[in-house]
């Protein structure tokens, strides 16, 4: 096993890394900043989605090549 530092934006409270093997991308959340991030290590592309409330957890949904979406647990429900 090789452990490497990932060059991603600094999070206030970064949690819940989820590796999507089919998409070859890392998804993770910033609880306080209310964001879901996606990082593609091959291209270095970094995306994020803003959420309306603090997020506690996230799971990817779908069974195809790319995730069909995500299920998120927000403070408000």
C-alpha atoms as a PDB file:
ATOM      1  CA  UNK A   1       0.000   0.000   0.000  1.00  0.00           C
ATOM      2  CA  UNK A   2       1.258   3.447  -0.910  1.00  0.00           C
ATOM      3  CA  UNK A   3       0.037   6.425   1.120  1.00  0.00           C
ATOM      4  CA  UNK A   4       0.198   9.833  -0.530  1.00  0.00           C
ATOM      5  CA  UNK A   5      -0.912  13.328   0.346  1.00  0.00           C
ATOM      6  CA  UNK A   6      -3.707  14.609  -1.868  1.00  0.00           C
ATOM      7  CA  UNK A   7      -3.546  18.221  -3.007  1.00  0.00           C
ATOM      8  CA  UNK A   8      -7.129  19.340  -2.377  1.00  0.00           C
ATOM      9  CA  UNK A   9      -8.640  22.587  -1.091  1.00  0.00           C
ATOM     10  CA  UNK A  10      -8.405  23.159   2.651  1.00  0.00           C
ATOM     11  CA  UNK A  11     -11.652  22.233   4.400  1.00  0.00           C
ATOM     12  CA  UNK A  12     -13.056  23.687   7.589  1.00  0.00           C
ATOM     13  CA  UNK A  13     -14.204  20.203   8.651  1.00  0.00           C
ATOM     14  CA  UNK A  14     -13.436  17.672   5.899  1.00  0.00           C
ATOM     15  CA  UNK A  15     -15.017  14.234   6.355  1.00  0.00           C
ATOM     16  CA  UNK A  16     -16.433  11.142   4.697  1.00  0.00           C
ATOM     17  CA  UNK A  17     -14.096  10.313   1.820  1.00  0.00           C
ATOM     18  CA  UNK A  18     -15.775   7.964  -0.674  1.00  0.00           C
ATOM     19  CA  UNK A  19     -13.784   6.410  -3.518  1.00  0.00           C
ATOM     20  CA  UNK A  20     -15.865   5.668  -6.605  1.00  0.00           C
ATOM     21  CA  UNK A  21     -14.007   2.817  -8.309  1.00  0.00           C
ATOM     22  CA  UNK A  22     -16.075   2.984 -11.514  1.00  0.00           C
ATOM     23  CA  UNK A  23     -15.545   6.742 -11.890  1.00  0.00           C
ATOM     24  CA  UNK A  24     -11.996   6.688 -10.452  1.00  0.00           C
ATOM     25  CA  UNK A  25     -12.798   9.776  -8.388  1.00  0.00           C
ATOM     26  CA  UNK A  26     -12.745  10.780  -4.740  1.00  0.00           C
ATOM     27  CA  UNK A  27     -15.824  12.380  -3.192  1.00  0.00           C
ATOM     28  CA  UNK A  28     -15.738  14.043   0.229  1.00  0.00           C
ATOM     29  CA  UNK A  29     -17.632  16.633   2.246  1.00  0.00           C
ATOM     30  CA  UNK A  30     -16.914  19.824   4.161  1.00  0.00           C
ATOM     31  CA  UNK A  31     -19.486  19.857   6.960  1.00  0.00           C
ATOM     32  CA  UNK A  32     -19.176  23.519   7.991  1.00  0.00           C
ATOM     33  CA  UNK A  33     -18.740  24.958   4.486  1.00  0.00           C
ATOM     34  CA  UNK A  34     -21.805  22.966   3.290  1.00  0.00           C
ATOM     35  CA  UNK A  35     -20.071  21.462   0.242  1.00  0.00           C
ATOM     36  CA  UNK A  36     -19.636  18.119  -1.512  1.00  0.00           C
ATOM     37  CA  UNK A  37     -16.354  17.810  -3.439  1.00  0.00           C
ATOM     38  CA  UNK A  38     -15.257  15.547  -6.307  1.00  0.00           C
ATOM     39  CA  UNK A  39     -11.588  15.135  -7.192  1.00  0.00           C
ATOM     40  CA  UNK A  40     -10.289  13.312 -10.273  1.00  0.00           C
ATOM     41  CA  UNK A  41      -6.673  12.304  -9.555  1.00  0.00           C
ATOM     42  CA  UNK A  42      -5.935  11.568 -13.212  1.00  0.00           C
ATOM     43  CA  UNK A  43      -6.821  15.045 -14.495  1.00  0.00           C
ATOM     44  CA  UNK A  44      -6.565  17.020 -11.247  1.00  0.00           C
ATOM     45  CA  UNK A  45     -10.098  18.329 -11.884  1.00  0.00           C
ATOM     46  CA  UNK A  46     -11.802  19.503  -8.719  1.00  0.00           C
ATOM     47  CA  UNK A  47     -15.540  20.226  -8.543  1.00  0.00           C
ATOM     48  CA  UNK A  48     -17.867  21.092  -5.710  1.00  0.00           C
ATOM     49  CA  UNK A  49     -21.563  21.427  -5.047  1.00  0.00           C
ATOM     50  CA  UNK A  50     -22.977  23.906  -2.527  1.00  0.00           C
ATOM     51  CA  UNK A  51     -25.655  22.604  -0.171  1.00  0.00           C
ATOM     52  CA  UNK A  52     -28.392  24.530   1.639  1.00  0.00           C
ATOM     53  CA  UNK A  53     -27.381  23.277   5.102  1.00  0.00           C
ATOM     54  CA  UNK A  54     -24.561  21.579   7.010  1.00  0.00           C
ATOM     55  CA  UNK A  55     -23.957  18.026   5.813  1.00  0.00           C
ATOM     56  CA  UNK A  56     -23.350  15.057   8.097  1.00  0.00           C
ATOM     57  CA  UNK A  57     -22.754  12.259   5.592  1.00  0.00           C
ATOM     58  CA  UNK A  58     -23.002  11.276   1.947  1.00  0.00           C
ATOM     59  CA  UNK A  59     -23.403   8.093  -0.110  1.00  0.00           C
ATOM     60  CA  UNK A  60     -23.185   7.726  -3.885  1.00  0.00           C
ATOM     61  CA  UNK A  61     -26.264   6.316  -5.643  1.00  0.00           C
ATOM     62  CA  UNK A  62     -26.552   4.293  -8.837  1.00  0.00           C
ATOM     63  CA  UNK A  63     -24.924   1.281 -10.394  1.00  0.00           C
ATOM     64  CA  UNK A  64     -23.794   2.604 -13.765  1.00  0.00           C
ATOM     65  CA  UNK A  65     -20.436   3.947 -14.971  1.00  0.00           C
ATOM     66  CA  UNK A  66     -21.009   7.308 -13.256  1.00  0.00           C
ATOM     67  CA  UNK A  67     -22.935   7.902 -10.042  1.00  0.00           C
ATOM     68  CA  UNK A  68     -26.576   8.789 -10.644  1.00  0.00           C
ATOM     69  CA  UNK A  69     -26.448  11.183  -7.717  1.00  0.00           C
ATOM     70  CA  UNK A  70     -25.825  11.200  -4.021  1.00  0.00           C
ATOM     71  CA  UNK A  71     -27.819  10.745  -0.877  1.00  0.00           C
ATOM     72  CA  UNK A  72     -26.869  13.375   1.705  1.00  0.00           C
ATOM     73  CA  UNK A  73     -27.820  13.757   5.349  1.00  0.00           C
ATOM     74  CA  UNK A  74     -28.339  17.437   6.108  1.00  0.00           C
ATOM     75  CA  UNK A  75     -28.826  19.103   9.484  1.00  0.00           C
ATOM     76  CA  UNK A  76     -32.337  20.101   8.413  1.00  0.00           C
ATOM     77  CA  UNK A  77     -33.284  16.616   7.246  1.00  0.00           C
END
